Amino acid sequence: MKARLLAVLLVISLGINIGFLLHWLRPRLFPARAAAMSSGWHSGPMKRHLNLDAAQSRRMESERRQVLAQARPLQEELQQKRRELFMLLKGKDVAPADLDPILNEIARLQAALEKLFILHSLKVRSQFSPAQRLKYEGFLEQGLCPGMMSEKGCAPSEPGGGMKGIGCAEAGETE
């Protein structure tokens, strides 16, 4: 009885370990498949909720790839400026005037990235039907103001102000 229990536990443990290894190694062993599986927001739940057709999905993927390519240099430069700030902060005496140039550059890069993604959002939104646009705006508001779906926009979270359905026009509506 004891041996049988140990054998069952060993098999279960091996199964769990093999599962973790496969999950961890799959992207390394099959990079093309992993890249295909991570093909953007419009290939998963949002595609289903927005009812994107194949042509819209292809256009969205093309737009996504373009905006990511444009964002990459800005993100790399932002990361470099943050490293410079960290190195400056590691110094013993840092004057506020020494921080201003780096912080201003970090703010400029963050603003440029925000503008890039907002322009991308406007371009994507223009390709939707009115019903799809309404749902898309619900997704945006959910992302920008989690738990909030009201006309007053991004306000501090209120008790009971959570969103009931994804892509709702008003709080409390469900799909």
Protein backbone atom coordinates (compact mmCIF):
# COMPACT_ATOMS: atom_id res chain seq x y z
CA MET A 1 0.00 0.00 0.00
CA LYS A 2 2.76 2.41 0.95
CA ALA A 3 4.73 1.55 -2.19
CA ARG A 4 1.67 2.08 -4.39
CA LEU A 5 1.05 5.50 -2.84
CA LEU A 6 4.68 6.49 -3.39
CA ALA A 7 4.49 5.30 -7.01
CA VAL A 8 1.35 7.38 -7.65
CA LEU A 9 2.91 10.46 -6.04
CA LEU A 10 6.08 9.96 -8.09
CA VAL A 11 4.08 9.74 -11.33
CA ILE A 12 2.09 12.87 -10.42
CA SER A 13 5.27 14.74 -9.52
CA LEU A 14 6.95 13.70 -12.77
CA GLY A 15 3.90 14.82 -14.75
CA ILE A 16 3.89 18.23 -13.11
CA ASN A 17 7.63 18.67 -13.63
CA ILE A 18 7.42 17.62 -17.27
CA GLY A 19 4.54 20.05 -17.78
CA PHE A 20 6.54 22.92 -16.32
CA LEU A 21 9.57 22.01 -18.43
CA LEU A 22 7.52 21.86 -21.63
CA HIS A 23 5.86 25.17 -20.82
CA TRP A 24 9.26 26.74 -20.18
CA LEU A 25 11.10 25.13 -23.11
CA ARG A 26 8.42 25.38 -25.83
CA PRO A 27 9.24 29.00 -26.82
CA ARG A 28 12.94 28.09 -26.94
CA LEU A 29 12.43 24.89 -28.95
CA PHE A 30 9.75 26.25 -31.30
CA PRO A 31 10.29 30.04 -31.63
CA ALA A 32 8.18 30.33 -34.80
CA ARG A 33 5.17 28.76 -33.12
CA ALA A 34 5.59 30.95 -30.04
CA ALA A 35 5.76 34.06 -32.23
CA ALA A 36 2.62 33.01 -34.07
CA MET A 37 0.78 32.48 -30.78
CA SER A 38 1.63 35.98 -29.53
CA SER A 39 0.29 37.85 -32.52
CA GLY A 40 -1.37 40.83 -30.94
CA TRP A 41 -4.45 41.96 -29.09
CA HIS A 42 -6.79 41.41 -32.03
CA SER A 43 -6.11 37.70 -32.28
CA GLY A 44 -7.54 36.73 -28.90
CA PRO A 45 -10.42 37.80 -26.71
CA MET A 46 -10.67 41.29 -28.19
CA LYS A 47 -11.10 39.82 -31.68
CA ARG A 48 -14.02 37.77 -30.43
CA HIS A 49 -15.61 40.67 -28.53
CA LEU A 50 -15.21 43.08 -31.45
CA ASN A 51 -16.24 40.48 -34.04
CA LEU A 52 -13.28 41.36 -36.28
CA ASP A 53 -13.35 39.78 -39.70
CA ALA A 54 -10.21 38.30 -41.25
CA ALA A 55 -9.40 41.45 -43.27
CA GLN A 56 -9.73 43.69 -40.20
CA SER A 57 -7.59 41.32 -38.19
CA ARG A 58 -4.85 41.38 -40.84
CA ARG A 59 -4.92 45.20 -40.99
CA MET A 60 -4.77 45.40 -37.20
CA GLU A 61 -1.77 43.05 -37.13
CA SER A 62 0.00 45.14 -39.77
CA GLU A 63 -0.69 48.34 -37.83
CA ARG A 64 0.47 46.72 -34.59
CA ARG A 65 3.76 45.62 -36.12
CA GLN A 66 4.37 49.09 -37.54
CA VAL A 67 3.71 50.89 -34.26
CA LEU A 68 5.89 48.45 -32.32
CA ALA A 69 8.73 49.01 -34.78
CA GLN A 70 8.35 52.77 -34.37
CA ALA A 71 8.19 52.47 -30.57
CA ARG A 72 11.23 50.22 -30.17
CA PRO A 73 13.90 52.98 -30.61
CA LEU A 74 12.01 55.27 -28.22
CA GLN A 75 11.70 52.49 -25.65
CA GLU A 76 15.40 51.68 -25.93
CA GLU A 77 16.35 55.33 -25.52
CA LEU A 78 14.01 55.63 -22.54
CA GLN A 79 15.61 52.58 -20.96
CA GLN A 80 19.06 54.11 -21.52
CA LYS A 81 18.02 57.40 -19.91
CA ARG A 82 16.63 55.52 -16.91
CA ARG A 83 19.96 53.70 -16.57
CA GLU A 84 21.74 57.06 -16.69
CA LEU A 85 19.41 58.36 -13.98
CA PHE A 86 20.11 55.31 -11.84
CA MET A 87 23.86 55.76 -12.27
CA LEU A 88 23.52 59.42 -11.33
CA LEU A 89 21.51 58.49 -8.23
CA LYS A 90 24.20 56.02 -7.20
CA GLY A 91 26.55 58.97 -6.82
CA LYS A 92 26.92 60.38 -3.34
CA ASP A 93 25.85 63.99 -3.87
CA VAL A 94 23.20 64.72 -6.49
CA ALA A 95 22.07 68.28 -6.96
CA PRO A 96 18.49 68.84 -8.14
CA ALA A 97 19.88 70.73 -11.14
CA ASP A 98 21.74 67.55 -12.18
CA LEU A 99 18.45 65.63 -12.27
CA ASP A 100 16.53 68.09 -14.44
CA PRO A 101 18.09 67.30 -17.85
CA ILE A 102 17.67 63.54 -17.49
CA LEU A 103 14.18 63.79 -16.02
CA ASN A 104 13.11 66.18 -18.79
CA GLU A 105 14.43 63.76 -21.42
CA ILE A 106 12.65 60.83 -19.74
CA ALA A 107 9.41 62.85 -19.70
CA ARG A 108 9.87 63.78 -23.38
CA LEU A 109 10.41 60.13 -24.36
CA GLN A 110 7.41 58.95 -22.33
CA ALA A 111 5.24 61.62 -23.94
CA ALA A 112 6.46 60.60 -27.40
CA LEU A 113 5.57 56.96 -26.69
CA GLU A 114 2.13 57.93 -25.38
CA LYS A 115 1.47 60.04 -28.47
CA LEU A 116 2.61 57.21 -30.76
CA PHE A 117 0.23 54.73 -29.16
CA ILE A 118 -2.66 57.20 -29.04
CA LEU A 119 -2.23 57.98 -32.74
CA HIS A 120 -2.14 54.23 -33.36
CA SER A 121 -5.36 53.84 -31.38
CA LEU A 122 -7.06 56.56 -33.45
CA LYS A 123 -5.91 54.94 -36.68
CA VAL A 124 -7.15 51.52 -35.57
CA ARG A 125 -10.44 52.93 -34.31
CA SER A 126 -11.13 54.51 -37.69
CA GLN A 127 -11.32 51.03 -39.24
CA PHE A 128 -14.15 49.83 -36.99
CA SER A 129 -17.89 49.90 -37.45
CA PRO A 130 -19.80 52.10 -34.98
CA ALA A 131 -20.68 49.07 -32.81
CA GLN A 132 -17.08 47.85 -32.84
CA ARG A 133 -15.85 51.36 -32.02
CA LEU A 134 -18.11 51.53 -28.97
CA LYS A 135 -16.77 48.20 -27.68
CA TYR A 136 -13.18 49.22 -28.47
CA GLU A 137 -13.59 52.43 -26.50
CA GLY A 138 -14.89 50.32 -23.62
CA PHE A 139 -11.70 48.25 -23.76
CA LEU A 140 -9.60 51.42 -23.80
CA GLU A 141 -11.39 52.88 -20.83
CA GLN A 142 -11.07 49.61 -18.98
CA GLY A 143 -7.32 49.67 -19.63
CA LEU A 144 -6.84 53.34 -18.78
CA CYS A 145 -9.19 53.40 -15.80
CA PRO A 146 -9.58 49.82 -14.51
CA GLY A 147 -12.93 49.30 -12.88
CA MET A 148 -14.37 52.54 -14.24
CA MET A 149 -16.92 52.90 -17.02
CA SER A 150 -18.59 56.25 -16.50
CA GLU A 151 -19.07 59.49 -18.35
CA LYS A 152 -16.90 61.38 -15.86
CA GLY A 153 -13.76 59.60 -17.06
CA CYS A 154 -10.80 58.60 -14.95
CA ALA A 155 -11.69 59.44 -11.39
CA PRO A 156 -10.54 57.86 -8.16
CA SER A 157 -12.07 54.43 -7.73
CA GLU A 158 -15.46 54.46 -6.08
CA PRO A 159 -17.03 51.62 -4.12
CA GLY A 160 -19.29 49.58 -6.36
CA GLY A 161 -18.06 51.38 -9.49
CA GLY A 162 -16.64 48.25 -11.11
CA MET A 163 -17.34 47.23 -14.65
CA LYS A 164 -19.79 44.37 -15.09
CA GLY A 165 -19.06 43.44 -18.72
CA ILE A 166 -16.24 43.94 -21.16
CA GLY A 167 -16.89 46.64 -23.72
CA CYS A 168 -20.01 47.99 -21.99
CA ALA A 169 -21.32 51.42 -22.79
CA GLU A 170 -22.26 52.10 -19.18
CA ALA A 171 -21.45 50.56 -15.82
CA GLY A 172 -23.72 47.67 -15.04
CA GLU A 173 -24.46 46.63 -18.62
CA THR A 174 -23.32 43.21 -19.70
CA GLU A 175 -22.93 41.69 -23.11
